[in-house]
Amino acid sequence: MKKTISYILIFCFIAALLLTGCKTQEKTQEKTAAKSEINVQYAKGFKIESISDGIKKVTDGDGREMLLVLRGQKVPDKYKDLPVIYTPVKKVITASTTQAALLRPLGVLNTVVGVTTPEKQWYIDEIKQGLKNGSIKYLGQNSAPNYEEITKISPDVVFLYTQSGMAGTEDFPKKLKELGVPYAVDNEWLENDPIARLEWIKFLAAFYDKDKEASDFFNNAVKKINEIKDKVPKENKPKVAWGQIYKGMVYVPTGGSYVAKMIDMAGGDNIFKDVQPTKTGNVTMTLEEFYARANNADILIYPASTVYMPSVSKLVEQAPVLKDIKPIKEGKVWCLQPQYWQDLDKTEQVIADLAAIFHPKDFTGHKLQEFEKLPEK
């Protein structure tokens, strides 16, 4: 009887040790998960929560929650009601060129199997080549994509963007949901800070289990941007006008936009900084209103490439009222290089270019890569 009691006591002791060990292991796993939490410092449009090794809960640009599960892992019972995407994803569709730009530093452009931008508009070599050889399909515009082809491709995820009232961007996700096609909303373009826009690389990287690579890339870019900010003069900032004409009106960035912040980072004095300073995006004004402000600007940035605005003379032909403004008379008009909108991953390069335009004496030898002087004729 005593032996039996002894055996029972020993058994209970061992069981207690095992239970303690399990709890310790659980706590260790929880700590490991906490350490792998993705730190989002600037972006406001997404969240990434580490559940355990290989499992993350992501909140996308539309506030939708989904579970990213490393292939081979089981979905925890607690999260069975969430949409599940197994990672790393192998087949993706991108509905924006900026998404492809952010996939470039991660080395995963080979996973892109469909796009909604035609080949002639691409400047990213891997995408252009894929469209040529057929490994990437052009699926039509976001407003009316080829859903039959999308279903046939059966992507692991479609990266798309949304905006209330914008044609197609609300119908696209609804239709994908009906078809059972996984999608994630990447709304980096709504951020009001250039660094926040760049930080969406962490969102996309989560689908590839490349969190460290994304963080390393992002941190290095932020370091370079801070070095540029430290280098630009704090005094004698040139007055900068940024605007584009469309159908007789001029679109200018609001004072709270990422463009306004880029101008400031590069050492410029944005003449429109007081225009809706708490809002992001663009506002429209008449040519006369633009003239009144831009008349004494030192520099004019026309945010289009020469494909759309080939020369200063063409700009003046389109808006004769601007022919006497200071930047046009002094030949200080810059425009975008064609690949600008596909270089979101090169944000520090964009800011460095602006700094060199605003303060050429402080950035001698800098070769512009995202901007260029708008030709006179």
Protein backbone atom coordinates (compact mmCIF):
# COMPACT_ATOMS: atom_id res chain seq x y z
CA MET A 1 0.00 0.00 0.00
CA LYS A 2 2.83 2.35 0.90
CA LYS A 3 4.54 1.49 -2.39
CA THR A 4 1.34 2.30 -4.25
CA ILE A 5 1.07 5.66 -2.49
CA SER A 6 4.72 6.32 -3.26
CA TYR A 7 4.18 5.54 -6.93
CA ILE A 8 1.18 7.84 -7.01
CA LEU A 9 3.15 10.65 -5.37
CA ILE A 10 6.02 10.16 -7.82
CA PHE A 11 3.58 10.13 -10.73
CA CYS A 12 1.94 13.34 -9.51
CA PHE A 13 5.35 14.96 -9.08
CA ILE A 14 6.40 14.05 -12.61
CA ALA A 15 3.05 15.24 -13.99
CA ALA A 16 3.47 18.53 -12.17
CA LEU A 17 6.95 18.95 -13.64
CA LEU A 18 5.65 18.21 -17.13
CA LEU A 19 2.78 20.66 -16.68
CA THR A 20 5.17 23.33 -15.43
CA GLY A 21 7.40 22.62 -18.40
CA CYS A 22 4.51 23.01 -20.82
CA LYS A 23 3.49 26.30 -19.24
CA THR A 24 7.07 27.51 -19.36
CA GLN A 25 7.27 26.52 -23.02
CA GLU A 26 3.99 28.35 -23.72
CA LYS A 27 5.33 31.46 -22.01
CA THR A 28 8.56 31.18 -23.98
CA GLN A 29 6.57 30.90 -27.21
CA GLU A 30 4.50 33.91 -26.20
CA LYS A 31 7.66 35.89 -25.54
CA THR A 32 9.11 34.75 -28.87
CA ALA A 33 5.92 35.85 -30.59
CA ALA A 34 6.02 39.20 -28.83
CA LYS A 35 9.61 39.72 -29.91
CA SER A 36 8.66 39.06 -33.54
CA GLU A 37 5.88 41.68 -33.45
CA ILE A 38 6.18 43.90 -36.50
CA ASN A 39 6.90 47.45 -35.38
CA VAL A 40 4.87 49.89 -37.48
CA GLN A 41 6.21 53.36 -36.69
CA TYR A 42 4.74 55.71 -39.30
CA ALA A 43 1.97 54.06 -41.32
CA LYS A 44 -1.56 54.35 -39.98
CA GLY A 45 -3.40 52.17 -42.46
CA PHE A 46 -2.41 48.64 -41.44
CA LYS A 47 -1.49 46.49 -38.45
CA ILE A 48 0.43 43.25 -38.03
CA GLU A 49 0.10 41.17 -34.88
CA SER A 50 2.30 38.14 -34.29
CA ILE A 51 0.20 35.27 -32.90
CA SER A 52 2.94 32.65 -32.78
CA ASP A 53 5.89 31.55 -34.87
CA GLY A 54 4.67 31.50 -38.47
CA ILE A 55 1.20 32.89 -37.74
CA LYS A 56 0.23 36.57 -37.95
CA LYS A 57 -3.02 38.49 -37.80
CA VAL A 58 -3.05 41.31 -40.32
CA THR A 59 -5.42 44.26 -40.56
CA ASP A 60 -5.42 45.65 -44.10
CA GLY A 61 -6.17 49.09 -45.53
CA ASP A 62 -9.93 48.53 -45.33
CA GLY A 63 -9.77 47.40 -41.70
CA ARG A 64 -10.28 43.72 -42.66
CA GLU A 65 -8.58 41.17 -40.45
CA MET A 66 -7.00 38.04 -41.91
CA LEU A 67 -4.68 35.33 -40.72
CA LEU A 68 -1.36 34.66 -42.41
CA VAL A 69 -0.29 31.09 -41.73
CA LEU A 70 3.08 29.65 -42.68
CA ARG A 71 2.59 26.60 -44.89
CA GLY A 72 2.53 23.46 -42.73
CA GLN A 73 1.19 25.26 -39.66
CA LYS A 74 -2.31 24.69 -38.29
CA VAL A 75 -4.85 27.46 -37.89
CA PRO A 76 -5.48 28.06 -34.16
CA ASP A 77 -9.10 27.35 -33.15
CA LYS A 78 -9.39 30.88 -31.79
CA TYR A 79 -8.94 32.34 -35.30
CA LYS A 80 -10.88 29.85 -37.43
CA ASP A 81 -13.44 32.51 -38.37
CA LEU A 82 -10.83 34.74 -40.03
CA PRO A 83 -9.92 34.48 -43.74
CA VAL A 84 -6.68 32.49 -44.02
CA ILE A 85 -3.85 33.03 -46.50
CA TYR A 86 -0.99 30.55 -46.45
CA THR A 87 2.48 31.99 -46.71
CA PRO A 88 4.81 32.56 -48.34
CA VAL A 89 2.44 33.39 -51.19
CA LYS A 90 3.55 32.02 -54.57
CA LYS A 91 1.08 33.59 -57.00
CA VAL A 92 -0.04 37.21 -56.59
CA ILE A 93 -1.89 39.81 -58.63
CA THR A 94 -1.03 43.49 -58.16
CA ALA A 95 -3.58 46.19 -58.94
CA SER A 96 -1.10 49.04 -58.61
CA THR A 97 2.40 49.76 -59.90
CA THR A 98 3.41 50.98 -56.43
CA GLN A 99 2.79 47.51 -55.03
CA ALA A 100 5.19 46.00 -57.55
CA ALA A 101 7.72 48.69 -56.58
CA LEU A 102 7.53 47.62 -52.94
CA LEU A 103 7.87 43.94 -53.88
CA ARG A 104 11.10 44.69 -55.78
CA PRO A 105 13.41 45.09 -52.74
CA LEU A 106 12.02 41.86 -51.31
CA GLY A 107 13.16 39.95 -54.38
CA VAL A 108 9.73 38.43 -55.00
CA LEU A 109 8.63 39.95 -58.30
CA ASN A 110 8.79 36.42 -59.73
CA THR A 111 5.57 35.69 -57.80
CA VAL A 112 3.57 38.29 -59.75
CA VAL A 113 1.31 36.48 -62.22
CA GLY A 114 -1.17 39.22 -63.07
CA VAL A 115 -1.36 43.03 -63.27
CA THR A 116 -3.91 45.69 -64.18
CA THR A 117 -1.46 48.02 -65.92
CA PRO A 118 -0.59 47.35 -69.60
CA GLU A 119 2.97 46.48 -70.67
CA LYS A 120 3.69 49.82 -72.39
CA GLN A 121 3.19 51.67 -69.09
CA TRP A 122 5.65 49.56 -67.08
CA TYR A 123 9.21 50.62 -66.20
CA ILE A 124 9.97 47.73 -63.84
CA ASP A 125 11.99 45.35 -65.99
CA GLU A 126 10.83 42.12 -64.33
CA ILE A 127 7.16 42.99 -64.85
CA LYS A 128 7.66 44.23 -68.40
CA GLN A 129 9.58 41.07 -69.31
CA GLY A 130 6.95 38.86 -67.68
CA LEU A 131 4.21 40.50 -69.73
CA LYS A 132 6.25 39.94 -72.87
CA ASN A 133 6.94 36.26 -72.27
CA GLY A 134 3.46 35.49 -70.92
CA SER A 135 4.40 34.56 -67.35
CA ILE A 136 2.41 37.63 -66.26
CA LYS A 137 -1.09 38.31 -67.56
CA TYR A 138 -2.56 41.75 -68.21
CA LEU A 139 -6.01 41.50 -66.63
CA GLY A 140 -7.57 44.77 -67.77
CA GLN A 141 -8.16 47.93 -65.78
CA ASN A 142 -9.22 47.89 -62.13
CA SER A 143 -12.62 49.27 -63.11
CA ALA A 144 -13.35 46.23 -65.30
CA PRO A 145 -10.79 43.43 -64.83
CA ASN A 146 -11.10 40.00 -66.43
CA TYR A 147 -12.58 38.03 -63.54
CA GLU A 148 -12.66 34.83 -65.55
CA GLU A 149 -8.89 35.06 -66.05
CA ILE A 150 -8.36 35.93 -62.38
CA THR A 151 -10.32 32.84 -61.34
CA LYS A 152 -8.35 30.75 -63.81
CA ILE A 153 -5.04 32.00 -62.38
CA SER A 154 -6.27 31.17 -58.84
CA PRO A 155 -3.88 33.57 -57.06
CA ASP A 156 -2.88 33.15 -53.43
CA VAL A 157 -3.77 36.82 -52.97
CA VAL A 158 -4.73 39.90 -54.97
CA PHE A 159 -3.17 43.13 -53.71
CA LEU A 160 -5.55 45.97 -54.51
CA TYR A 161 -6.40 49.49 -53.34
CA THR A 162 -9.69 51.17 -52.55
CA GLN A 163 -11.25 54.60 -52.30
CA SER A 164 -14.83 55.55 -51.65
CA GLY A 165 -16.33 56.93 -54.85
CA MET A 166 -13.45 55.93 -57.14
CA ALA A 167 -14.74 53.95 -60.12
CA GLY A 168 -13.98 50.24 -59.86
CA THR A 169 -12.13 50.26 -56.57
CA GLU A 170 -15.26 49.34 -54.59
CA ASP A 171 -16.59 46.79 -57.09
CA PHE A 172 -13.26 44.96 -57.43
CA PRO A 173 -13.05 43.61 -53.85
CA LYS A 174 -16.79 42.83 -53.76
CA LYS A 175 -16.52 40.67 -56.86
CA LEU A 176 -13.39 38.91 -55.60
CA LYS A 177 -15.21 38.09 -52.37
CA GLU A 178 -18.09 36.61 -54.37
CA LEU A 179 -15.65 34.48 -56.36
CA GLY A 180 -13.80 33.35 -53.25
CA VAL A 181 -10.53 34.90 -54.40
CA PRO A 182 -8.32 36.03 -51.46
CA TYR A 183 -7.42 39.72 -51.48
CA ALA A 184 -5.71 42.29 -49.28
CA VAL A 185 -6.16 46.05 -49.45
CA ASP A 186 -2.92 48.01 -49.75
CA ASN A 187 -3.84 51.68 -49.29
CA GLU A 188 -0.34 53.10 -48.91
CA TRP A 189 -1.31 55.95 -51.22
CA LEU A 190 -3.64 57.38 -48.53
CA GLU A 191 -0.82 57.96 -46.06
CA ASN A 192 0.16 61.61 -45.50
CA ASP A 193 3.87 60.93 -44.97
CA PRO A 194 6.36 59.66 -47.57
CA ILE A 195 8.02 57.44 -44.96
CA ALA A 196 4.64 56.00 -43.97
CA ARG A 197 3.93 55.17 -47.62
CA LEU A 198 7.25 53.36 -47.83
CA GLU A 199 6.54 51.46 -44.59
CA TRP A 200 3.78 49.52 -46.35
CA ILE A 201 6.59 47.28 -47.54
CA LYS A 202 6.18 45.61 -44.13
CA PHE A 203 2.54 44.87 -44.93
CA LEU A 204 3.38 43.18 -48.23
CA ALA A 205 6.41 41.41 -46.74
CA ALA A 206 4.19 39.69 -44.16
CA PHE A 207 2.60 37.67 -46.98
CA TYR A 208 6.06 36.36 -47.92
CA ASP A 209 7.35 35.78 -44.38
CA LYS A 210 10.04 38.36 -45.13
CA ASP A 211 9.50 40.63 -42.14
CA LYS A 212 13.18 41.03 -41.30
CA GLU A 213 14.14 41.85 -44.88
CA ALA A 214 11.42 44.51 -45.03
CA SER A 215 12.40 46.05 -41.70
CA ASP A 216 16.08 46.15 -42.64
CA PHE A 217 15.29 47.80 -45.97
CA PHE A 218 12.93 50.31 -44.39
CA ASN A 219 15.31 51.24 -41.56
CA ASN A 220 18.14 51.81 -44.02
CA ALA A 221 15.93 54.06 -46.18
CA VAL A 222 14.83 56.09 -43.13
CA LYS A 223 18.47 56.52 -42.13
CA LYS A 224 19.31 57.93 -45.58
CA ILE A 225 16.30 60.27 -45.49
CA ASN A 226 17.36 61.58 -42.09
CA GLU A 227 20.88 62.19 -43.42
CA ILE A 228 19.39 64.28 -46.27
CA LYS A 229 17.23 66.24 -43.82
CA ASP A 230 20.28 66.96 -41.68
CA LYS A 231 22.26 68.15 -44.68
CA VAL A 232 19.81 70.65 -46.18
CA PRO A 233 20.21 74.29 -45.04
CA LYS A 234 17.77 75.45 -42.39
CA GLU A 235 17.74 79.01 -43.75
CA ASN A 236 17.10 80.60 -47.17
CA LYS A 237 14.68 77.93 -48.30
CA PRO A 238 13.52 78.38 -51.90
CA LYS A 239 9.80 78.95 -52.43
CA VAL A 240 8.40 75.88 -54.17
CA ALA A 241 5.21 75.65 -56.25
CA TRP A 242 3.97 72.13 -57.02
CA GLY A 243 1.01 71.81 -59.36
CA GLN A 244 -0.42 70.10 -62.43
CA ILE A 245 -3.02 71.37 -64.89
CA TYR A 246 -5.99 69.21 -65.83
CA LYS A 247 -9.04 70.41 -67.74
CA GLY A 248 -8.35 74.05 -67.02
CA MET A 249 -7.84 73.61 -63.28
CA VAL A 250 -4.64 73.19 -61.28
CA TYR A 251 -4.22 70.30 -58.87
CA VAL A 252 -1.95 71.12 -55.93
CA PRO A 253 -1.05 69.00 -52.89
CA THR A 254 -2.67 69.95 -49.61
CA GLY A 255 -0.55 71.25 -46.76
CA GLY A 256 -1.05 67.97 -44.92
CA SER A 257 -0.06 65.72 -47.82
CA TYR A 258 2.99 63.50 -48.22
CA VAL A 259 4.16 65.79 -51.04
CA ALA A 260 4.14 68.77 -48.68
CA LYS A 261 6.22 66.75 -46.22
CA MET A 262 8.70 65.76 -48.95
CA ILE A 263 9.19 69.40 -49.91
CA ASP A 264 9.86 70.24 -46.28
CA MET A 265 12.24 67.29 -45.80
CA ALA A 266 14.23 68.42 -48.83
CA GLY A 267 14.58 71.96 -47.52
CA GLY A 268 11.94 73.74 -49.58
CA ASP A 269 9.34 76.31 -48.57
CA ASN A 270 6.03 75.01 -49.91
CA ILE A 271 3.90 77.96 -51.02
CA PHE A 272 0.77 75.85 -50.54
CA LYS A 273 1.57 74.68 -47.00
CA ASP A 274 -1.40 76.61 -45.62
CA VAL A 275 -3.88 74.96 -48.00
CA GLN A 276 -5.88 72.48 -45.91
CA PRO A 277 -2.89 71.76 -43.64
CA THR A 278 -4.71 69.01 -41.74
CA LYS A 279 -5.82 67.05 -44.81
CA THR A 280 -4.01 64.83 -47.27
CA GLY A 281 -4.46 64.52 -51.04
CA ASN A 282 -4.93 67.31 -53.58
CA VAL A 283 -7.14 70.34 -54.03
CA THR A 284 -8.06 72.21 -57.19
CA MET A 285 -7.74 75.91 -57.89
CA THR A 286 -8.14 78.11 -60.92
CA LEU A 287 -5.17 79.09 -63.06
CA GLU A 288 -5.55 82.63 -61.80
CA GLU A 289 -5.39 81.48 -58.17
CA PHE A 290 -2.33 79.38 -58.94
CA TYR A 291 -0.70 82.32 -60.71
CA ALA A 292 -1.25 84.60 -57.72
CA ARG A 293 0.69 82.21 -55.50
CA ALA A 294 3.27 80.82 -57.93
CA ASN A 295 4.18 84.21 -59.39
CA ASN A 296 7.03 84.72 -56.93
CA ALA A 297 8.00 81.08 -56.44
CA ASP A 298 11.65 80.18 -57.02
CA ILE A 299 10.95 76.68 -58.33
CA LEU A 300 8.04 75.01 -60.09
CA ILE A 301 7.60 71.24 -59.90
CA TYR A 302 5.19 69.97 -62.54
CA PRO A 303 4.30 66.41 -61.39
CA ALA A 304 4.04 64.73 -64.78
CA SER A 305 6.59 63.32 -67.18
CA THR A 306 7.45 64.77 -70.59
CA VAL A 307 5.15 62.12 -72.07
CA TYR A 308 2.25 64.26 -70.82
CA MET A 309 3.87 67.71 -70.61
CA PRO A 310 6.74 67.80 -73.13
CA SER A 311 8.03 71.35 -72.66
CA VAL A 312 7.73 74.74 -70.97
CA SER A 313 6.42 76.21 -74.21
CA LYS A 314 3.66 73.58 -74.27
CA LEU A 315 2.84 74.39 -70.65
CA VAL A 316 2.55 78.10 -71.46
CA GLU A 317 0.46 77.28 -74.54
CA GLN A 318 -1.91 75.37 -72.28
CA ALA A 319 -1.92 78.10 -69.61
CA PRO A 320 -0.83 81.47 -71.09
CA VAL A 321 -1.43 83.20 -67.75
CA LEU A 322 1.65 81.41 -66.35
CA LYS A 323 4.15 82.70 -68.92
CA ASP A 324 5.35 85.52 -66.64
CA ILE A 325 5.69 83.65 -63.36
CA LYS A 326 9.20 83.74 -61.93
CA PRO A 327 10.18 80.02 -62.24
CA ILE A 328 9.16 79.93 -65.91
CA LYS A 329 10.96 83.19 -66.74
CA GLU A 330 14.12 81.98 -64.96
CA GLY A 331 13.97 78.45 -66.38
CA LYS A 332 13.50 76.70 -63.05
CA VAL A 333 10.80 74.20 -63.92
CA TRP A 334 11.22 70.50 -63.17
CA CYS A 335 9.05 67.54 -64.06
CA LEU A 336 8.98 63.83 -63.20
CA GLN A 337 10.97 61.14 -64.95
CA PRO A 338 8.68 58.49 -66.51
CA GLN A 339 9.34 55.77 -63.90
CA TYR A 340 8.62 58.06 -60.92
CA TRP A 341 5.33 56.40 -59.94
CA GLN A 342 7.00 52.99 -60.00
CA ASP A 343 9.81 53.96 -57.63
CA LEU A 344 8.03 54.06 -54.29
CA ASP A 345 10.81 51.81 -52.97
CA LYS A 346 13.26 54.60 -53.84
CA THR A 347 11.66 57.28 -51.67
CA GLU A 348 15.02 58.43 -50.31
CA GLN A 349 16.15 58.94 -53.91
CA VAL A 350 13.11 61.15 -54.59
CA ILE A 351 13.85 63.32 -51.54
CA ALA A 352 17.56 63.48 -52.43
CA ASP A 353 16.64 64.72 -55.92
CA LEU A 354 14.39 67.42 -54.48
CA ALA A 355 17.13 68.49 -52.07
CA ALA A 356 19.57 68.78 -54.99
CA ILE A 357 17.04 70.86 -56.96
CA PHE A 358 16.36 73.15 -54.01
CA HIS A 359 20.00 73.41 -52.83
CA PRO A 360 22.32 72.62 -55.77
CA LYS A 361 25.39 74.10 -54.01
CA ASP A 362 24.97 71.68 -51.11
CA PHE A 363 24.46 68.64 -53.34
CA THR A 364 27.06 69.17 -56.04
CA GLY A 365 27.59 66.16 -58.24
CA HIS A 366 24.18 64.70 -57.48
CA LYS A 367 22.61 63.18 -60.58
CA LEU A 368 18.84 63.48 -60.76
CA GLN A 369 17.10 60.14 -61.14
CA GLU A 370 13.44 60.86 -60.38
CA PHE A 371 13.10 64.42 -61.69
CA GLU A 372 14.45 66.31 -64.72
CA LYS A 373 14.45 69.86 -66.03
CA LEU A 374 11.40 70.47 -68.19
CA PRO A 375 12.75 71.30 -71.69
CA GLU A 376 12.09 74.82 -72.96
CA LYS A 377 10.75 73.55 -76.27
